[in-house]
């Protein structure tokens, strides 16, 4: 059985903030899923993401330049309408295909606190990735979860959502974003 909920003794990690040059590094592929340090990092990322009210996190955000992301959509104060899913660690994720249709949607980032951006993303994507145990998987994601996957995979390329907005007029503060939700 895949463990997706970290043990309570996993420490919360420091999240790199926009401006830290390590956030712009390109991640390297993971050679082995059986490395105990990788398994510990997955648990630490889960704790860190949950404690920060994130719906996803990438290893480069905590200074680990490896191709590891976690996608974990769930309603929380930052994303009250997010769909619920089990946390999904993805090793070496690779976009195989995408819809022609793109949608603009509001994104935030644990590495860019206080700012939201209206970002165009593909509405549907197919991704190949290794699961926590290294088993190769293929999965189609749509709508909000597809947005999370694309956002987190961008981190593996040294990109953040502000790189994807079409105009700086599509950036707002977190306070203004919360007003849109009311």
C-alpha atoms as a PDB file:
ATOM      1  CA  UNK A   1       0.000   0.000   0.000  1.00  0.00           C
ATOM      2  CA  UNK A   2       1.284   3.468  -0.888  1.00  0.00           C
ATOM      3  CA  UNK A   3       1.840   5.715   2.091  1.00  0.00           C
ATOM      4  CA  UNK A   4       0.627   9.211   1.218  1.00  0.00           C
ATOM      5  CA  UNK A   5       0.268  10.616   4.689  1.00  0.00           C
ATOM      6  CA  UNK A   6       3.549  11.458   6.386  1.00  0.00           C
ATOM      7  CA  UNK A   7       4.391  10.448   9.881  1.00  0.00           C
ATOM      8  CA  UNK A   8       4.017  13.178  12.456  1.00  0.00           C
ATOM      9  CA  UNK A   9       7.756  13.168  13.162  1.00  0.00           C
ATOM     10  CA  UNK A  10       8.694  14.390   9.647  1.00  0.00           C
ATOM     11  CA  UNK A  11      10.054  17.931   9.932  1.00  0.00           C
ATOM     12  CA  UNK A  12       8.608  20.881   8.070  1.00  0.00           C
ATOM     13  CA  UNK A  13      11.098  22.281   5.561  1.00  0.00           C
ATOM     14  CA  UNK A  14      11.940  25.894   4.751  1.00  0.00           C
ATOM     15  CA  UNK A  15      10.376  27.018   1.461  1.00  0.00           C
ATOM     16  CA  UNK A  16      12.630  29.078  -0.801  1.00  0.00           C
ATOM     17  CA  UNK A  17      11.186  32.473  -1.731  1.00  0.00           C
ATOM     18  CA  UNK A  18      11.177  34.258  -5.088  1.00  0.00           C
ATOM     19  CA  UNK A  19      14.588  35.906  -5.479  1.00  0.00           C
ATOM     20  CA  UNK A  20      16.512  32.938  -4.100  1.00  0.00           C
ATOM     21  CA  UNK A  21      18.625  31.820  -7.091  1.00  0.00           C
ATOM     22  CA  UNK A  22      18.208  28.127  -6.191  1.00  0.00           C
ATOM     23  CA  UNK A  23      14.495  28.442  -7.041  1.00  0.00           C
ATOM     24  CA  UNK A  24      15.566  29.008 -10.673  1.00  0.00           C
ATOM     25  CA  UNK A  25      17.783  25.898 -10.905  1.00  0.00           C
ATOM     26  CA  UNK A  26      16.819  23.117 -13.315  1.00  0.00           C
ATOM     27  CA  UNK A  27      16.072  19.870 -11.487  1.00  0.00           C
ATOM     28  CA  UNK A  28      17.855  16.626 -12.272  1.00  0.00           C
ATOM     29  CA  UNK A  29      16.191  13.257 -12.818  1.00  0.00           C
ATOM     30  CA  UNK A  30      15.779  10.850  -9.913  1.00  0.00           C
ATOM     31  CA  UNK A  31      17.827   7.684 -10.488  1.00  0.00           C
ATOM     32  CA  UNK A  32      16.343   5.452  -7.785  1.00  0.00           C
ATOM     33  CA  UNK A  33      13.061   5.575  -5.893  1.00  0.00           C
ATOM     34  CA  UNK A  34      14.418   3.199  -3.251  1.00  0.00           C
ATOM     35  CA  UNK A  35      16.784   5.776  -1.743  1.00  0.00           C
ATOM     36  CA  UNK A  36      15.729   6.232   1.918  1.00  0.00           C
ATOM     37  CA  UNK A  37      16.625   9.951   1.691  1.00  0.00           C
ATOM     38  CA  UNK A  38      14.140  10.336  -1.187  1.00  0.00           C
ATOM     39  CA  UNK A  39      11.402   8.612   0.801  1.00  0.00           C
ATOM     40  CA  UNK A  40      12.125  10.892   3.787  1.00  0.00           C
ATOM     41  CA  UNK A  41      12.014  13.941   1.493  1.00  0.00           C
ATOM     42  CA  UNK A  42       8.593  12.894   0.185  1.00  0.00           C
ATOM     43  CA  UNK A  43       7.311  12.738   3.780  1.00  0.00           C
ATOM     44  CA  UNK A  44       8.876  16.112   4.595  1.00  0.00           C
ATOM     45  CA  UNK A  45       7.340  17.697   1.482  1.00  0.00           C
ATOM     46  CA  UNK A  46       3.918  16.351   2.448  1.00  0.00           C
ATOM     47  CA  UNK A  47       4.233  17.853   5.945  1.00  0.00           C
ATOM     48  CA  UNK A  48       5.528  21.172   4.598  1.00  0.00           C
ATOM     49  CA  UNK A  49       2.819  21.455   1.931  1.00  0.00           C
ATOM     50  CA  UNK A  50       0.023  20.578   4.347  1.00  0.00           C
ATOM     51  CA  UNK A  51       1.257  22.986   7.053  1.00  0.00           C
ATOM     52  CA  UNK A  52       1.469  25.786   4.460  1.00  0.00           C
ATOM     53  CA  UNK A  53      -2.031  25.170   3.020  1.00  0.00           C
ATOM     54  CA  UNK A  54      -0.557  24.243  -0.340  1.00  0.00           C
ATOM     55  CA  UNK A  55      -2.174  22.022  -2.963  1.00  0.00           C
ATOM     56  CA  UNK A  56       1.174  21.038  -4.434  1.00  0.00           C
ATOM     57  CA  UNK A  57       4.890  21.414  -3.868  1.00  0.00           C
ATOM     58  CA  UNK A  58       8.062  20.670  -5.808  1.00  0.00           C
ATOM     59  CA  UNK A  59      11.409  19.557  -4.390  1.00  0.00           C
ATOM     60  CA  UNK A  60      13.239  22.622  -5.818  1.00  0.00           C
ATOM     61  CA  UNK A  61      11.055  24.816  -3.592  1.00  0.00           C
ATOM     62  CA  UNK A  62      12.888  23.395  -0.573  1.00  0.00           C
ATOM     63  CA  UNK A  63      16.320  23.573  -2.159  1.00  0.00           C
ATOM     64  CA  UNK A  64      16.371  20.000  -3.522  1.00  0.00           C
ATOM     65  CA  UNK A  65      16.951  20.245  -7.300  1.00  0.00           C
ATOM     66  CA  UNK A  66      15.445  16.865  -8.197  1.00  0.00           C
ATOM     67  CA  UNK A  67      12.435  15.963 -10.350  1.00  0.00           C
ATOM     68  CA  UNK A  68       9.938  15.353  -7.571  1.00  0.00           C
ATOM     69  CA  UNK A  69       6.565  17.022  -7.177  1.00  0.00           C
ATOM     70  CA  UNK A  70       3.556  16.352  -5.005  1.00  0.00           C
ATOM     71  CA  UNK A  71       0.052  17.138  -6.198  1.00  0.00           C
ATOM     72  CA  UNK A  72      -2.517  17.207  -3.426  1.00  0.00           C
ATOM     73  CA  UNK A  73      -5.628  19.183  -4.237  1.00  0.00           C
ATOM     74  CA  UNK A  74      -7.907  19.741  -1.252  1.00  0.00           C
ATOM     75  CA  UNK A  75     -10.076  22.556   0.043  1.00  0.00           C
ATOM     76  CA  UNK A  76      -8.145  24.852   2.384  1.00  0.00           C
ATOM     77  CA  UNK A  77      -8.032  28.569   3.246  1.00  0.00           C
ATOM     78  CA  UNK A  78      -5.897  29.349   0.163  1.00  0.00           C
ATOM     79  CA  UNK A  79      -8.072  27.276  -2.212  1.00  0.00           C
ATOM     80  CA  UNK A  80     -11.519  26.850  -0.627  1.00  0.00           C
ATOM     81  CA  UNK A  81     -13.108  25.327  -3.761  1.00  0.00           C
ATOM     82  CA  UNK A  82     -10.324  22.883  -4.621  1.00  0.00           C
ATOM     83  CA  UNK A  83     -11.406  19.298  -5.313  1.00  0.00           C
ATOM     84  CA  UNK A  84     -10.323  16.627  -2.830  1.00  0.00           C
ATOM     85  CA  UNK A  85      -7.722  14.036  -3.820  1.00  0.00           C
ATOM     86  CA  UNK A  86      -5.152  11.825  -2.151  1.00  0.00           C
ATOM     87  CA  UNK A  87      -1.653  13.340  -2.210  1.00  0.00           C
ATOM     88  CA  UNK A  88       0.213  12.093  -5.264  1.00  0.00           C
ATOM     89  CA  UNK A  89       4.031  12.055  -5.260  1.00  0.00           C
ATOM     90  CA  UNK A  90       5.334  12.139  -8.850  1.00  0.00           C
ATOM     91  CA  UNK A  91       8.942  11.233  -9.693  1.00  0.00           C
ATOM     92  CA  UNK A  92      10.377  12.478 -13.001  1.00  0.00           C
ATOM     93  CA  UNK A  93       6.994  13.701 -14.320  1.00  0.00           C
ATOM     94  CA  UNK A  94       6.826  14.213 -18.084  1.00  0.00           C
ATOM     95  CA  UNK A  95       4.026  15.889 -20.035  1.00  0.00           C
ATOM     96  CA  UNK A  96       3.040  13.519 -22.861  1.00  0.00           C
ATOM     97  CA  UNK A  97       0.165  15.441 -24.407  1.00  0.00           C
ATOM     98  CA  UNK A  98      -2.222  18.288 -23.764  1.00  0.00           C
ATOM     99  CA  UNK A  99      -5.525  19.665 -24.976  1.00  0.00           C
ATOM    100  CA  UNK A 100      -5.637  22.531 -27.449  1.00  0.00           C
ATOM    101  CA  UNK A 101      -7.873  24.343 -24.969  1.00  0.00           C
ATOM    102  CA  UNK A 102      -6.269  26.588 -22.387  1.00  0.00           C
ATOM    103  CA  UNK A 103      -7.976  28.260 -19.466  1.00  0.00           C
ATOM    104  CA  UNK A 104      -6.868  31.219 -17.399  1.00  0.00           C
ATOM    105  CA  UNK A 105      -7.077  30.672 -13.666  1.00  0.00           C
ATOM    106  CA  UNK A 106      -5.755  32.225 -10.476  1.00  0.00           C
ATOM    107  CA  UNK A 107      -2.597  30.715  -9.055  1.00  0.00           C
ATOM    108  CA  UNK A 108      -0.561  31.366  -5.972  1.00  0.00           C
ATOM    109  CA  UNK A 109       2.687  29.793  -4.873  1.00  0.00           C
ATOM    110  CA  UNK A 110       4.264  28.954  -1.533  1.00  0.00           C
ATOM    111  CA  UNK A 111       7.477  30.493  -2.934  1.00  0.00           C
ATOM    112  CA  UNK A 112       5.724  33.733  -3.964  1.00  0.00           C
ATOM    113  CA  UNK A 113       3.731  34.683  -0.854  1.00  0.00           C
ATOM    114  CA  UNK A 114       1.161  37.458  -0.996  1.00  0.00           C
ATOM    115  CA  UNK A 115       0.721  37.467  -4.788  1.00  0.00           C
ATOM    116  CA  UNK A 116      -1.739  35.732  -7.136  1.00  0.00           C
ATOM    117  CA  UNK A 117      -1.632  35.641 -10.898  1.00  0.00           C
ATOM    118  CA  UNK A 118      -4.087  34.849 -13.673  1.00  0.00           C
ATOM    119  CA  UNK A 119      -2.205  32.132 -15.576  1.00  0.00           C
ATOM    120  CA  UNK A 120      -3.139  30.354 -18.825  1.00  0.00           C
ATOM    121  CA  UNK A 121      -2.758  26.563 -18.593  1.00  0.00           C
ATOM    122  CA  UNK A 122      -3.858  23.570 -20.640  1.00  0.00           C
ATOM    123  CA  UNK A 123      -7.268  22.319 -19.522  1.00  0.00           C
ATOM    124  CA  UNK A 124      -6.285  18.654 -19.904  1.00  0.00           C
ATOM    125  CA  UNK A 125      -2.896  16.964 -19.824  1.00  0.00           C
ATOM    126  CA  UNK A 126      -1.513  13.442 -19.905  1.00  0.00           C
ATOM    127  CA  UNK A 127       1.511  12.847 -17.709  1.00  0.00           C
ATOM    128  CA  UNK A 128       3.938   9.964 -17.315  1.00  0.00           C
ATOM    129  CA  UNK A 129       5.658   9.696 -13.938  1.00  0.00           C
ATOM    130  CA  UNK A 130       7.100   7.297 -11.432  1.00  0.00           C
ATOM    131  CA  UNK A 131       5.032   6.752  -8.309  1.00  0.00           C
ATOM    132  CA  UNK A 132       6.590   6.782  -4.857  1.00  0.00           C
ATOM    133  CA  UNK A 133       7.893   3.255  -5.399  1.00  0.00           C
ATOM    134  CA  UNK A 134       9.231   3.900  -8.899  1.00  0.00           C
ATOM    135  CA  UNK A 135       6.387   2.215 -10.793  1.00  0.00           C
ATOM    136  CA  UNK A 136       5.788   3.983 -14.107  1.00  0.00           C
ATOM    137  CA  UNK A 137       2.303   5.510 -14.359  1.00  0.00           C
ATOM    138  CA  UNK A 138       0.355   7.432 -16.981  1.00  0.00           C
ATOM    139  CA  UNK A 139      -2.544   9.609 -15.965  1.00  0.00           C
ATOM    140  CA  UNK A 140      -4.821  12.245 -17.439  1.00  0.00           C
ATOM    141  CA  UNK A 141      -5.521  15.333 -15.335  1.00  0.00           C
ATOM    142  CA  UNK A 142      -8.107  18.019 -16.006  1.00  0.00           C
ATOM    143  CA  UNK A 143      -9.061  21.492 -14.834  1.00  0.00           C
ATOM    144  CA  UNK A 144      -7.717  22.545 -11.409  1.00  0.00           C
ATOM    145  CA  UNK A 145      -5.627  19.402 -10.850  1.00  0.00           C
ATOM    146  CA  UNK A 146      -4.093  19.765 -14.341  1.00  0.00           C
ATOM    147  CA  UNK A 147      -3.234  23.355 -13.371  1.00  0.00           C
ATOM    148  CA  UNK A 148      -1.468  22.153 -10.197  1.00  0.00           C
ATOM    149  CA  UNK A 149       0.552  19.561 -12.122  1.00  0.00           C
ATOM    150  CA  UNK A 150       1.663  22.132 -14.721  1.00  0.00           C
ATOM    151  CA  UNK A 151       2.523  24.664 -11.978  1.00  0.00           C
ATOM    152  CA  UNK A 152       4.641  22.139 -10.060  1.00  0.00           C
ATOM    153  CA  UNK A 153       6.374  20.772 -13.179  1.00  0.00           C
ATOM    154  CA  UNK A 154       7.333  24.372 -14.023  1.00  0.00           C
ATOM    155  CA  UNK A 155       9.318  24.440 -10.758  1.00  0.00           C
ATOM    156  CA  UNK A 156      11.443  21.578 -12.126  1.00  0.00           C
ATOM    157  CA  UNK A 157      12.427  23.888 -15.009  1.00  0.00           C
ATOM    158  CA  UNK A 158      13.217  26.831 -12.722  1.00  0.00           C
ATOM    159  CA  UNK A 159       9.962  28.633 -13.574  1.00  0.00           C
ATOM    160  CA  UNK A 160       7.367  30.207 -11.273  1.00  0.00           C
ATOM    161  CA  UNK A 161       3.833  31.284 -12.129  1.00  0.00           C
ATOM    162  CA  UNK A 162       4.767  34.968 -12.503  1.00  0.00           C
ATOM    163  CA  UNK A 163       6.807  33.874 -15.550  1.00  0.00           C
ATOM    164  CA  UNK A 164       3.579  32.616 -17.158  1.00  0.00           C
ATOM    165  CA  UNK A 165       1.214  35.581 -16.699  1.00  0.00           C
ATOM    166  CA  UNK A 166       0.472  37.357 -19.980  1.00  0.00           C
ATOM    167  CA  UNK A 167       0.655  40.835 -18.446  1.00  0.00           C
ATOM    168  CA  UNK A 168       1.594  42.289 -15.079  1.00  0.00           C
ATOM    169  CA  UNK A 169      -2.028  43.493 -14.914  1.00  0.00           C
ATOM    170  CA  UNK A 170      -2.871  39.848 -14.205  1.00  0.00           C
ATOM    171  CA  UNK A 171      -1.045  40.015 -10.847  1.00  0.00           C
ATOM    172  CA  UNK A 172      -2.895  40.916  -7.648  1.00  0.00           C
ATOM    173  CA  UNK A 173      -2.255  40.757  -3.926  1.00  0.00           C
ATOM    174  CA  UNK A 174      -3.523  37.896  -1.802  1.00  0.00           C
ATOM    175  CA  UNK A 175      -5.860  40.357  -0.033  1.00  0.00           C
ATOM    176  CA  UNK A 176      -7.484  41.365  -3.339  1.00  0.00           C
ATOM    177  CA  UNK A 177      -7.749  37.707  -4.356  1.00  0.00           C
ATOM    178  CA  UNK A 178      -9.575  36.891  -1.110  1.00  0.00           C
ATOM    179  CA  UNK A 179     -12.067  39.692  -1.890  1.00  0.00           C
ATOM    180  CA  UNK A 180     -12.804  37.958  -5.219  1.00  0.00           C
ATOM    181  CA  UNK A 181     -13.757  34.808  -3.293  1.00  0.00           C
ATOM    182  CA  UNK A 182     -16.279  36.622  -1.074  1.00  0.00           C
END
